[in-house]
Amino acid sequence: MKGCGYSIIRKSTVMLRKLMSLARKYKEIILYLIFGVATTIISFSVFWGCEALFGKDNYLVNNIVAWFCAVTFACFTNKFLIFKSKSTELRVMAKEIGLFYASRVMTLLIEEAGLWLLVDIAGLERLSFSFFGIEITGHLISKLIVGFVSVVINYLFSKFVTFSKKNQHKS
């Protein structure tokens, strides 16, 4: 008779195999989320740093500086690590990078409009509190909200336009 320990190990092994299968199946999305978090950390860190250097009144300019730093990081992680675009041909790379920045400009405009609406129109500018000694402002909360919308749009554009396999063969 097999013991209770054997049953637990067997069930754990089956569950681990299922998890590994799901991880392989959704590898691209998982990588996009991991590097998306890293990109978001870069964006928020630069935005927060710009607020400290240039002031909170310059939040739209601060967002553009943060956007540029984050998009540059995201461009290379998306190309080489997530969507695994293998082409190193200059013409294809220029097209991919151009499309990547163009799509991100579109979401930058969405972010800028969203920030303006939330901060200036909706009045989140007045919101401010401390969380574990870190000042959380209405600007940061607004950036989080519009950032979520941007992430979804950016993923769809990168997957189906910028780094699509079809796009690589057209160039």
Protein backbone atom coordinates (compact mmCIF):
# COMPACT_ATOMS: atom_id res chain seq x y z
CA MET A 1 0.00 0.00 0.00
CA LYS A 2 1.28 3.39 -0.97
CA GLY A 3 1.55 5.96 1.78
CA CYS A 4 0.04 9.39 2.11
CA GLY A 5 3.39 10.99 1.22
CA TYR A 6 3.38 9.27 -2.16
CA SER A 7 -0.07 10.67 -2.94
CA ILE A 8 0.98 14.20 -2.04
CA ILE A 9 4.13 13.95 -4.19
CA ARG A 10 2.12 12.55 -7.11
CA LYS A 11 -0.48 15.33 -6.91
CA SER A 12 2.25 17.94 -6.57
CA THR A 13 4.04 16.57 -9.63
CA VAL A 14 0.83 16.63 -11.69
CA MET A 15 0.11 20.19 -10.57
CA LEU A 16 3.68 21.28 -11.35
CA ARG A 17 3.43 19.78 -14.86
CA LYS A 18 0.17 21.67 -15.45
CA LEU A 19 1.75 24.91 -14.23
CA MET A 20 4.78 24.40 -16.48
CA SER A 21 2.49 23.72 -19.43
CA LEU A 22 0.56 26.94 -18.74
CA ALA A 23 3.82 28.87 -18.36
CA ARG A 24 5.02 27.61 -21.76
CA LYS A 25 1.65 28.36 -23.35
CA TYR A 26 1.52 31.93 -21.98
CA LYS A 27 5.27 32.63 -21.95
CA GLU A 28 4.94 35.73 -24.13
CA ILE A 29 2.26 37.30 -21.93
CA ILE A 30 4.17 36.40 -18.75
CA LEU A 31 7.36 37.99 -20.13
CA TYR A 32 5.38 41.06 -21.24
CA LEU A 33 4.00 41.41 -17.71
CA ILE A 34 7.43 40.97 -16.08
CA PHE A 35 9.15 43.48 -18.36
CA GLY A 36 6.06 45.67 -18.22
CA VAL A 37 6.48 45.89 -14.46
CA ALA A 38 10.15 46.80 -14.96
CA THR A 39 9.17 49.43 -17.55
CA THR A 40 6.54 50.80 -15.19
CA ILE A 41 9.08 51.00 -12.37
CA ILE A 42 11.40 52.95 -14.67
CA SER A 43 8.56 55.24 -15.74
CA PHE A 44 7.35 55.92 -12.20
CA SER A 45 10.87 56.35 -10.83
CA VAL A 46 11.82 58.86 -13.51
CA PHE A 47 8.45 60.66 -13.13
CA TRP A 48 8.91 60.85 -9.36
CA GLY A 49 12.51 62.02 -9.79
CA CYS A 50 11.45 64.68 -12.29
CA GLU A 51 8.77 65.88 -9.87
CA ALA A 52 11.48 66.26 -7.22
CA LEU A 53 13.83 68.08 -9.64
CA PHE A 54 11.46 70.17 -11.74
CA GLY A 55 8.40 70.49 -9.50
CA LYS A 56 4.92 69.04 -9.54
CA ASP A 57 3.54 71.85 -11.70
CA ASN A 58 5.54 70.43 -14.61
CA TYR A 59 3.82 67.03 -14.44
CA LEU A 60 3.13 66.83 -18.20
CA VAL A 61 6.79 67.50 -19.05
CA ASN A 62 7.88 65.13 -16.28
CA ASN A 63 5.66 62.47 -17.87
CA ILE A 64 7.29 62.97 -21.28
CA VAL A 65 10.78 62.50 -19.82
CA ALA A 66 9.61 59.38 -17.95
CA TRP A 67 7.90 58.13 -21.11
CA PHE A 68 11.07 58.45 -23.20
CA CYS A 69 13.20 56.53 -20.69
CA ALA A 70 10.60 53.77 -20.28
CA VAL A 71 9.89 53.42 -24.01
CA THR A 72 13.57 53.10 -24.84
CA PHE A 73 13.91 50.25 -22.33
CA ALA A 74 10.64 48.64 -23.51
CA CYS A 75 11.61 48.81 -27.18
CA PHE A 76 14.61 46.57 -26.74
CA THR A 77 13.03 44.17 -24.24
CA ASN A 78 9.98 43.79 -26.50
CA LYS A 79 12.06 43.19 -29.62
CA PHE A 80 14.64 40.79 -28.30
CA LEU A 81 13.16 39.15 -25.18
CA ILE A 82 9.37 39.11 -25.48
CA PHE A 83 8.37 38.94 -29.14
CA LYS A 84 11.79 37.57 -30.16
CA SER A 85 12.08 39.49 -33.40
CA LYS A 86 15.19 37.89 -34.80
CA SER A 87 15.88 40.26 -37.66
CA THR A 88 19.01 42.35 -37.32
CA GLU A 89 18.68 43.71 -40.84
CA LEU A 90 18.91 47.49 -40.57
CA ARG A 91 15.80 48.13 -42.68
CA VAL A 92 13.63 45.77 -40.60
CA MET A 93 15.01 47.06 -37.28
CA ALA A 94 14.44 50.68 -38.33
CA LYS A 95 10.86 49.84 -39.29
CA GLU A 96 10.23 48.00 -36.00
CA ILE A 97 11.74 50.76 -33.87
CA GLY A 98 9.87 53.40 -35.85
CA LEU A 99 6.56 51.56 -35.43
CA PHE A 100 7.30 50.96 -31.77
CA TYR A 101 7.93 54.64 -31.02
CA ALA A 102 4.98 55.70 -33.22
CA SER A 103 2.60 53.45 -31.29
CA ARG A 104 4.03 54.68 -28.02
CA VAL A 105 3.56 58.30 -29.11
CA MET A 106 -0.11 57.44 -29.59
CA THR A 107 -0.36 56.10 -26.05
CA LEU A 108 1.72 59.03 -24.77
CA LEU A 109 -0.96 61.35 -26.15
CA ILE A 110 -3.61 59.23 -24.43
CA GLU A 111 -1.59 59.42 -21.19
CA GLU A 112 -1.09 63.17 -21.45
CA ALA A 113 -4.80 63.75 -22.10
CA GLY A 114 -5.74 61.37 -19.30
CA LEU A 115 -3.35 63.04 -16.86
CA TRP A 116 -4.69 66.46 -17.75
CA LEU A 117 -8.29 65.26 -17.32
CA LEU A 118 -7.63 63.55 -13.99
CA VAL A 119 -5.31 66.16 -12.49
CA ASP A 120 -6.68 69.45 -13.75
CA ILE A 121 -10.31 68.70 -14.59
CA ALA A 122 -11.21 66.00 -12.04
CA GLY A 123 -9.10 67.68 -9.35
CA LEU A 124 -6.91 64.76 -8.29
CA GLU A 125 -4.13 67.34 -8.01
CA ARG A 126 -5.36 68.08 -4.47
CA LEU A 127 -4.99 64.45 -3.40
CA SER A 128 -1.86 63.68 -1.40
CA PHE A 129 -1.01 61.26 1.40
CA SER A 130 1.94 59.44 2.86
CA PHE A 131 2.35 55.68 2.58
CA PHE A 132 5.26 54.18 4.54
CA GLY A 133 7.00 57.54 4.36
CA ILE A 134 6.52 57.93 0.60
CA GLU A 135 4.37 60.80 -0.59
CA ILE A 136 1.62 59.56 -2.89
CA THR A 137 0.22 62.40 -4.97
CA GLY A 138 -2.77 62.75 -7.22
CA HIS A 139 -0.29 62.99 -10.07
CA LEU A 140 1.10 59.54 -9.32
CA ILE A 141 -2.36 58.02 -8.87
CA SER A 142 -3.46 59.58 -12.16
CA LYS A 143 -0.35 58.20 -13.86
CA LEU A 144 -1.18 54.74 -12.55
CA ILE A 145 -4.72 54.90 -13.94
CA VAL A 146 -3.72 56.09 -17.41
CA GLY A 147 -0.73 53.75 -17.39
CA PHE A 148 -3.01 50.73 -17.14
CA VAL A 149 -4.88 51.76 -20.28
CA SER A 150 -1.58 52.35 -22.08
CA VAL A 151 -0.24 48.90 -21.18
CA VAL A 152 -3.18 47.14 -22.81
CA ILE A 153 -2.98 49.25 -25.98
CA ASN A 154 0.82 48.88 -26.15
CA TYR A 155 0.68 45.08 -25.87
CA LEU A 156 -1.89 44.76 -28.64
CA PHE A 157 -0.01 47.10 -30.96
CA SER A 158 3.37 45.40 -30.31
CA LYS A 159 1.99 41.90 -30.79
CA PHE A 160 -0.14 42.47 -33.85
CA VAL A 161 1.66 45.30 -35.67
CA THR A 162 5.21 46.16 -34.63
CA PHE A 163 6.71 42.73 -33.97
CA SER A 164 4.26 40.52 -35.86
CA LYS A 165 5.91 37.79 -37.89
CA LYS A 166 3.95 38.99 -40.91
CA ASN A 167 5.47 42.47 -40.54
CA GLN A 168 9.03 41.07 -40.50
CA HIS A 169 8.53 39.31 -43.84
CA LYS A 170 7.03 42.37 -45.57
CA SER A 171 10.15 44.50 -45.19
